[in-house]
């Protein structure tokens, strides 16, 4: 060990932490001033907050959280309602386009199983998009049977969805053969509402008022 290095260690007047030795990897031989960790009161040794200060901070945080919580809940509920009505619009449009593309009947119907239409179902419990397998379909399905294209799960957030019938059925020309009317999606928490009008021509439209 170097002589100067040994002398500095043994000297009681120059006792410093290991980072302040004369020849460590982070120090100079003769540093002009002590580094931060050699100060008598570095930031890591400052006193903590008092109990009164902690109570004040927690009280302010609680008040802010109480004020922000209802607004956040409404924001989440509104986004959920928008996402659900967009899903419904997309699935109705998918059924219509499948009917035209495949030159066969197609539709959207209530479903709880995800594999078949429910005879008397609730739209809020879920629905599916299907088409009727035509003769000679390249997928190999049985002619006349319904082929499931897409399944939508039950609505979250206790939202309700009412429709004109248990199913919308499109002919191969894309015109509704049954099910024209109004879908109403409602959020019981915010009383928010989204209305989808499906005309006899088969086009779904988002509306601000009840369908004519």
C-alpha atoms as a PDB file:
ATOM      1  CA  UNK A   1       0.000   0.000   0.000  1.00  0.00           C
ATOM      2  CA  UNK A   2       1.219   3.498  -0.764  1.00  0.00           C
ATOM      3  CA  UNK A   3       2.758   5.345   2.198  1.00  0.00           C
ATOM      4  CA  UNK A   4       0.598   8.445   1.871  1.00  0.00           C
ATOM      5  CA  UNK A   5      -2.473   6.259   1.699  1.00  0.00           C
ATOM      6  CA  UNK A   6      -1.584   4.458   4.940  1.00  0.00           C
ATOM      7  CA  UNK A   7      -0.823   7.667   6.771  1.00  0.00           C
ATOM      8  CA  UNK A   8      -4.156   9.171   5.850  1.00  0.00           C
ATOM      9  CA  UNK A   9      -6.041   6.190   7.153  1.00  0.00           C
ATOM     10  CA  UNK A  10      -4.269   6.148  10.479  1.00  0.00           C
ATOM     11  CA  UNK A  11      -4.561   9.866  11.074  1.00  0.00           C
ATOM     12  CA  UNK A  12      -7.483  10.679  13.420  1.00  0.00           C
ATOM     13  CA  UNK A  13      -7.609  14.264  12.210  1.00  0.00           C
ATOM     14  CA  UNK A  14      -8.340  13.265   8.623  1.00  0.00           C
ATOM     15  CA  UNK A  15     -10.901  10.507   9.216  1.00  0.00           C
ATOM     16  CA  UNK A  16     -13.438  10.443   6.385  1.00  0.00           C
ATOM     17  CA  UNK A  17     -15.753   7.876   4.841  1.00  0.00           C
ATOM     18  CA  UNK A  18     -14.248   5.511   2.305  1.00  0.00           C
ATOM     19  CA  UNK A  19     -15.176   7.828  -0.561  1.00  0.00           C
ATOM     20  CA  UNK A  20     -12.967  10.545   0.946  1.00  0.00           C
ATOM     21  CA  UNK A  21      -9.713   8.612   1.201  1.00  0.00           C
ATOM     22  CA  UNK A  22      -6.820  10.178  -0.563  1.00  0.00           C
ATOM     23  CA  UNK A  23      -6.688   7.702  -3.402  1.00  0.00           C
ATOM     24  CA  UNK A  24     -10.133   6.098  -3.940  1.00  0.00           C
ATOM     25  CA  UNK A  25     -11.535   5.816  -7.432  1.00  0.00           C
ATOM     26  CA  UNK A  26     -13.940   8.733  -6.915  1.00  0.00           C
ATOM     27  CA  UNK A  27     -11.588  11.275  -5.214  1.00  0.00           C
ATOM     28  CA  UNK A  28      -8.582  13.410  -6.055  1.00  0.00           C
ATOM     29  CA  UNK A  29      -5.332  13.415  -4.073  1.00  0.00           C
ATOM     30  CA  UNK A  30      -6.191  16.763  -2.544  1.00  0.00           C
ATOM     31  CA  UNK A  31      -9.844  17.625  -3.132  1.00  0.00           C
ATOM     32  CA  UNK A  32     -10.541  21.351  -2.800  1.00  0.00           C
ATOM     33  CA  UNK A  33     -13.701  20.652  -0.836  1.00  0.00           C
ATOM     34  CA  UNK A  34     -15.442  17.697   0.688  1.00  0.00           C
ATOM     35  CA  UNK A  35     -18.031  15.900  -1.486  1.00  0.00           C
ATOM     36  CA  UNK A  36     -21.702  15.919  -0.574  1.00  0.00           C
ATOM     37  CA  UNK A  37     -21.536  12.752   1.504  1.00  0.00           C
ATOM     38  CA  UNK A  38     -18.811  14.288   3.727  1.00  0.00           C
ATOM     39  CA  UNK A  39     -20.884  17.242   4.868  1.00  0.00           C
ATOM     40  CA  UNK A  40     -21.932  17.332   8.464  1.00  0.00           C
ATOM     41  CA  UNK A  41     -25.631  17.330   7.463  1.00  0.00           C
ATOM     42  CA  UNK A  42     -26.101  15.798   4.028  1.00  0.00           C
ATOM     43  CA  UNK A  43     -29.557  15.554   2.518  1.00  0.00           C
ATOM     44  CA  UNK A  44     -29.824  11.914   3.557  1.00  0.00           C
ATOM     45  CA  UNK A  45     -29.583  12.922   7.205  1.00  0.00           C
ATOM     46  CA  UNK A  46     -32.167  15.723   7.235  1.00  0.00           C
ATOM     47  CA  UNK A  47     -34.922  15.300   9.771  1.00  0.00           C
ATOM     48  CA  UNK A  48     -38.225  13.797   8.597  1.00  0.00           C
ATOM     49  CA  UNK A  49     -41.640  15.421   8.581  1.00  0.00           C
ATOM     50  CA  UNK A  50     -43.537  15.968  11.786  1.00  0.00           C
ATOM     51  CA  UNK A  51     -46.795  14.248  12.642  1.00  0.00           C
ATOM     52  CA  UNK A  52     -48.737  17.478  12.135  1.00  0.00           C
ATOM     53  CA  UNK A  53     -47.267  17.938   8.651  1.00  0.00           C
ATOM     54  CA  UNK A  54     -48.108  14.351   7.746  1.00  0.00           C
ATOM     55  CA  UNK A  55     -51.719  14.762   8.910  1.00  0.00           C
ATOM     56  CA  UNK A  56     -52.089  17.969   6.873  1.00  0.00           C
ATOM     57  CA  UNK A  57     -50.752  16.300   3.705  1.00  0.00           C
ATOM     58  CA  UNK A  58     -53.006  13.254   4.135  1.00  0.00           C
ATOM     59  CA  UNK A  59     -56.029  15.489   4.734  1.00  0.00           C
ATOM     60  CA  UNK A  60     -55.398  17.492   1.561  1.00  0.00           C
ATOM     61  CA  UNK A  61     -54.855  14.285  -0.438  1.00  0.00           C
ATOM     62  CA  UNK A  62     -58.123  12.855   0.913  1.00  0.00           C
ATOM     63  CA  UNK A  63     -60.091  15.975  -0.034  1.00  0.00           C
ATOM     64  CA  UNK A  64     -58.639  15.981  -3.567  1.00  0.00           C
ATOM     65  CA  UNK A  65     -59.395  12.278  -4.011  1.00  0.00           C
ATOM     66  CA  UNK A  66     -62.987  12.774  -2.825  1.00  0.00           C
ATOM     67  CA  UNK A  67     -63.470  15.596  -5.327  1.00  0.00           C
ATOM     68  CA  UNK A  68     -61.879  13.709  -8.232  1.00  0.00           C
ATOM     69  CA  UNK A  69     -63.486  10.282  -7.690  1.00  0.00           C
ATOM     70  CA  UNK A  70     -67.012  11.095  -9.017  1.00  0.00           C
ATOM     71  CA  UNK A  71     -65.601  12.791 -12.104  1.00  0.00           C
ATOM     72  CA  UNK A  72     -63.324   9.837 -12.798  1.00  0.00           C
ATOM     73  CA  UNK A  73     -66.209   7.371 -12.402  1.00  0.00           C
ATOM     74  CA  UNK A  74     -68.318   9.347 -14.856  1.00  0.00           C
ATOM     75  CA  UNK A  75     -65.413   9.508 -17.283  1.00  0.00           C
ATOM     76  CA  UNK A  76     -64.948   5.725 -17.148  1.00  0.00           C
ATOM     77  CA  UNK A  77     -68.695   5.101 -17.483  1.00  0.00           C
ATOM     78  CA  UNK A  78     -68.967   7.428 -20.492  1.00  0.00           C
ATOM     79  CA  UNK A  79     -66.035   5.749 -22.240  1.00  0.00           C
ATOM     80  CA  UNK A  80     -67.516   2.321 -21.561  1.00  0.00           C
ATOM     81  CA  UNK A  81     -70.871   3.385 -23.002  1.00  0.00           C
ATOM     82  CA  UNK A  82     -69.205   4.779 -26.125  1.00  0.00           C
ATOM     83  CA  UNK A  83     -67.146   1.623 -26.635  1.00  0.00           C
ATOM     84  CA  UNK A  84     -70.211  -0.620 -26.308  1.00  0.00           C
ATOM     85  CA  UNK A  85     -72.338   1.323 -28.771  1.00  0.00           C
ATOM     86  CA  UNK A  86     -69.441   1.363 -31.233  1.00  0.00           C
ATOM     87  CA  UNK A  87     -69.195  -2.429 -30.922  1.00  0.00           C
ATOM     88  CA  UNK A  88     -72.911  -2.752 -31.685  1.00  0.00           C
ATOM     89  CA  UNK A  89     -72.676  -0.475 -34.724  1.00  0.00           C
ATOM     90  CA  UNK A  90     -69.646  -2.381 -36.020  1.00  0.00           C
ATOM     91  CA  UNK A  91     -71.316  -5.783 -35.618  1.00  0.00           C
ATOM     92  CA  UNK A  92     -74.508  -4.695 -37.367  1.00  0.00           C
ATOM     93  CA  UNK A  93     -72.449  -3.307 -40.245  1.00  0.00           C
ATOM     94  CA  UNK A  94     -70.441  -6.546 -40.362  1.00  0.00           C
ATOM     95  CA  UNK A  95     -73.601  -8.634 -40.694  1.00  0.00           C
ATOM     96  CA  UNK A  96     -74.868  -6.421 -43.517  1.00  0.00           C
ATOM     97  CA  UNK A  97     -71.582  -6.545 -45.412  1.00  0.00           C
ATOM     98  CA  UNK A  98     -71.360 -10.337 -44.977  1.00  0.00           C
ATOM     99  CA  UNK A  99     -74.842 -10.767 -46.461  1.00  0.00           C
ATOM    100  CA  UNK A 100     -73.838  -8.770 -49.545  1.00  0.00           C
ATOM    101  CA  UNK A 101     -70.374 -10.299 -49.868  1.00  0.00           C
ATOM    102  CA  UNK A 102     -71.480 -13.916 -49.463  1.00  0.00           C
ATOM    103  CA  UNK A 103     -74.740 -13.460 -51.395  1.00  0.00           C
ATOM    104  CA  UNK A 104     -76.740 -15.067 -48.598  1.00  0.00           C
ATOM    105  CA  UNK A 105     -78.732 -14.180 -45.495  1.00  0.00           C
ATOM    106  CA  UNK A 106     -76.867 -12.894 -42.445  1.00  0.00           C
ATOM    107  CA  UNK A 107     -77.732 -11.232 -39.196  1.00  0.00           C
ATOM    108  CA  UNK A 108     -77.105 -10.277 -35.586  1.00  0.00           C
ATOM    109  CA  UNK A 109     -78.963 -12.073 -32.805  1.00  0.00           C
ATOM    110  CA  UNK A 110     -79.028 -12.306 -29.011  1.00  0.00           C
ATOM    111  CA  UNK A 111     -76.938 -15.123 -27.601  1.00  0.00           C
ATOM    112  CA  UNK A 112     -75.783 -16.307 -24.202  1.00  0.00           C
ATOM    113  CA  UNK A 113     -73.910 -19.406 -25.346  1.00  0.00           C
ATOM    114  CA  UNK A 114     -71.861 -17.758 -28.076  1.00  0.00           C
ATOM    115  CA  UNK A 115     -72.612 -20.602 -30.460  1.00  0.00           C
ATOM    116  CA  UNK A 116     -76.280 -20.127 -31.370  1.00  0.00           C
ATOM    117  CA  UNK A 117     -79.036 -17.518 -31.270  1.00  0.00           C
ATOM    118  CA  UNK A 118     -81.307 -17.321 -28.232  1.00  0.00           C
ATOM    119  CA  UNK A 119     -85.012 -17.694 -28.998  1.00  0.00           C
ATOM    120  CA  UNK A 120     -85.985 -15.032 -26.477  1.00  0.00           C
ATOM    121  CA  UNK A 121     -82.818 -13.391 -25.269  1.00  0.00           C
ATOM    122  CA  UNK A 122     -81.585 -10.160 -23.802  1.00  0.00           C
ATOM    123  CA  UNK A 123     -79.185  -8.073 -25.882  1.00  0.00           C
ATOM    124  CA  UNK A 124     -77.286  -7.056 -22.740  1.00  0.00           C
ATOM    125  CA  UNK A 125     -76.334 -10.724 -22.192  1.00  0.00           C
ATOM    126  CA  UNK A 126     -74.379 -10.783 -25.439  1.00  0.00           C
ATOM    127  CA  UNK A 127     -74.927 -11.320 -29.154  1.00  0.00           C
ATOM    128  CA  UNK A 128     -73.329 -12.880 -32.194  1.00  0.00           C
ATOM    129  CA  UNK A 129     -72.932 -12.174 -35.902  1.00  0.00           C
ATOM    130  CA  UNK A 130     -73.714 -15.024 -38.294  1.00  0.00           C
ATOM    131  CA  UNK A 131     -74.440 -15.850 -41.911  1.00  0.00           C
ATOM    132  CA  UNK A 132     -76.443 -18.680 -43.439  1.00  0.00           C
ATOM    133  CA  UNK A 133     -74.137 -21.116 -45.200  1.00  0.00           C
ATOM    134  CA  UNK A 134     -74.923 -21.052 -48.948  1.00  0.00           C
ATOM    135  CA  UNK A 135     -74.664 -24.049 -51.232  1.00  0.00           C
ATOM    136  CA  UNK A 136     -71.112 -24.633 -52.373  1.00  0.00           C
ATOM    137  CA  UNK A 137     -69.514 -22.412 -49.741  1.00  0.00           C
ATOM    138  CA  UNK A 138     -65.697 -22.863 -49.914  1.00  0.00           C
ATOM    139  CA  UNK A 139     -65.434 -23.089 -46.117  1.00  0.00           C
ATOM    140  CA  UNK A 140     -67.113 -26.501 -46.216  1.00  0.00           C
ATOM    141  CA  UNK A 141     -70.037 -25.572 -43.952  1.00  0.00           C
ATOM    142  CA  UNK A 142     -73.385 -27.338 -44.199  1.00  0.00           C
ATOM    143  CA  UNK A 143     -75.768 -25.462 -46.502  1.00  0.00           C
ATOM    144  CA  UNK A 144     -78.599 -23.808 -44.605  1.00  0.00           C
ATOM    145  CA  UNK A 145     -76.838 -23.788 -41.225  1.00  0.00           C
ATOM    146  CA  UNK A 146     -75.842 -20.639 -39.416  1.00  0.00           C
ATOM    147  CA  UNK A 147     -72.097 -19.941 -39.347  1.00  0.00           C
ATOM    148  CA  UNK A 148     -70.888 -17.796 -36.453  1.00  0.00           C
ATOM    149  CA  UNK A 149     -68.662 -14.935 -37.583  1.00  0.00           C
ATOM    150  CA  UNK A 150     -68.172 -12.984 -34.358  1.00  0.00           C
ATOM    151  CA  UNK A 151     -69.300 -13.221 -30.736  1.00  0.00           C
ATOM    152  CA  UNK A 152     -69.766 -10.301 -28.342  1.00  0.00           C
ATOM    153  CA  UNK A 153     -69.744 -10.924 -24.603  1.00  0.00           C
ATOM    154  CA  UNK A 154     -72.286  -9.606 -22.105  1.00  0.00           C
ATOM    155  CA  UNK A 155     -72.194  -5.879 -21.400  1.00  0.00           C
ATOM    156  CA  UNK A 156     -70.135  -4.734 -18.435  1.00  0.00           C
ATOM    157  CA  UNK A 157     -71.011  -2.066 -15.900  1.00  0.00           C
ATOM    158  CA  UNK A 158     -74.620  -3.283 -15.461  1.00  0.00           C
ATOM    159  CA  UNK A 159     -75.536  -1.483 -18.681  1.00  0.00           C
ATOM    160  CA  UNK A 160     -78.786  -2.424 -20.387  1.00  0.00           C
ATOM    161  CA  UNK A 161     -79.514  -2.809 -24.098  1.00  0.00           C
ATOM    162  CA  UNK A 162     -82.964  -3.110 -25.600  1.00  0.00           C
ATOM    163  CA  UNK A 163     -83.661  -3.825 -29.247  1.00  0.00           C
ATOM    164  CA  UNK A 164     -86.590  -4.071 -31.646  1.00  0.00           C
ATOM    165  CA  UNK A 165     -86.394  -7.879 -31.791  1.00  0.00           C
ATOM    166  CA  UNK A 166     -84.198 -10.815 -30.867  1.00  0.00           C
ATOM    167  CA  UNK A 167     -82.400 -10.625 -34.214  1.00  0.00           C
ATOM    168  CA  UNK A 168     -81.631  -8.423 -37.192  1.00  0.00           C
ATOM    169  CA  UNK A 169     -81.804 -10.469 -40.384  1.00  0.00           C
ATOM    170  CA  UNK A 170     -80.346  -9.203 -43.681  1.00  0.00           C
ATOM    171  CA  UNK A 171     -81.153 -10.506 -47.113  1.00  0.00           C
ATOM    172  CA  UNK A 172     -78.409 -11.067 -49.669  1.00  0.00           C
ATOM    173  CA  UNK A 173     -79.044  -7.569 -51.047  1.00  0.00           C
ATOM    174  CA  UNK A 174     -78.180  -5.983 -47.675  1.00  0.00           C
ATOM    175  CA  UNK A 175     -81.758  -4.956 -46.895  1.00  0.00           C
ATOM    176  CA  UNK A 176     -83.339  -5.911 -43.578  1.00  0.00           C
ATOM    177  CA  UNK A 177     -85.919  -8.655 -43.847  1.00  0.00           C
ATOM    178  CA  UNK A 178     -86.757  -8.308 -40.126  1.00  0.00           C
ATOM    179  CA  UNK A 179     -85.647  -6.399 -37.058  1.00  0.00           C
ATOM    180  CA  UNK A 180     -85.749  -2.735 -38.133  1.00  0.00           C
ATOM    181  CA  UNK A 181     -86.165  -0.333 -35.243  1.00  0.00           C
ATOM    182  CA  UNK A 182     -84.322   1.191 -32.319  1.00  0.00           C
ATOM    183  CA  UNK A 183     -81.576  -0.039 -29.994  1.00  0.00           C
ATOM    184  CA  UNK A 184     -81.232   1.804 -26.684  1.00  0.00           C
ATOM    185  CA  UNK A 185     -78.084   1.420 -24.593  1.00  0.00           C
ATOM    186  CA  UNK A 186     -78.346   2.823 -21.060  1.00  0.00           C
ATOM    187  CA  UNK A 187     -75.906   3.268 -18.192  1.00  0.00           C
ATOM    188  CA  UNK A 188     -77.807   3.073 -14.859  1.00  0.00           C
ATOM    189  CA  UNK A 189     -75.048   4.914 -12.957  1.00  0.00           C
ATOM    190  CA  UNK A 190     -74.879   8.078 -15.062  1.00  0.00           C
ATOM    191  CA  UNK A 191     -78.261   7.693 -16.787  1.00  0.00           C
ATOM    192  CA  UNK A 192     -76.325   8.126 -20.017  1.00  0.00           C
ATOM    193  CA  UNK A 193     -77.986   6.845 -23.159  1.00  0.00           C
ATOM    194  CA  UNK A 194     -76.965   5.917 -26.690  1.00  0.00           C
ATOM    195  CA  UNK A 195     -79.539   5.267 -29.422  1.00  0.00           C
ATOM    196  CA  UNK A 196     -78.930   3.280 -32.591  1.00  0.00           C
ATOM    197  CA  UNK A 197     -81.534   3.479 -35.342  1.00  0.00           C
ATOM    198  CA  UNK A 198     -81.637   0.709 -37.940  1.00  0.00           C
ATOM    199  CA  UNK A 199     -83.648   1.668 -41.019  1.00  0.00           C
ATOM    200  CA  UNK A 200     -85.415  -0.856 -43.280  1.00  0.00           C
ATOM    201  CA  UNK A 201     -82.584  -0.388 -45.774  1.00  0.00           C
ATOM    202  CA  UNK A 202     -80.319  -1.916 -43.137  1.00  0.00           C
ATOM    203  CA  UNK A 203     -78.052   1.005 -42.301  1.00  0.00           C
ATOM    204  CA  UNK A 204     -77.391   1.557 -38.572  1.00  0.00           C
ATOM    205  CA  UNK A 205     -77.076   5.168 -37.398  1.00  0.00           C
ATOM    206  CA  UNK A 206     -76.247   6.724 -34.047  1.00  0.00           C
ATOM    207  CA  UNK A 207     -78.971   9.155 -32.986  1.00  0.00           C
ATOM    208  CA  UNK A 208     -79.427  11.749 -30.243  1.00  0.00           C
ATOM    209  CA  UNK A 209     -83.206  11.253 -30.091  1.00  0.00           C
ATOM    210  CA  UNK A 210     -85.594   8.364 -30.383  1.00  0.00           C
ATOM    211  CA  UNK A 211     -85.937   6.870 -33.839  1.00  0.00           C
ATOM    212  CA  UNK A 212     -88.960   7.970 -35.889  1.00  0.00           C
END
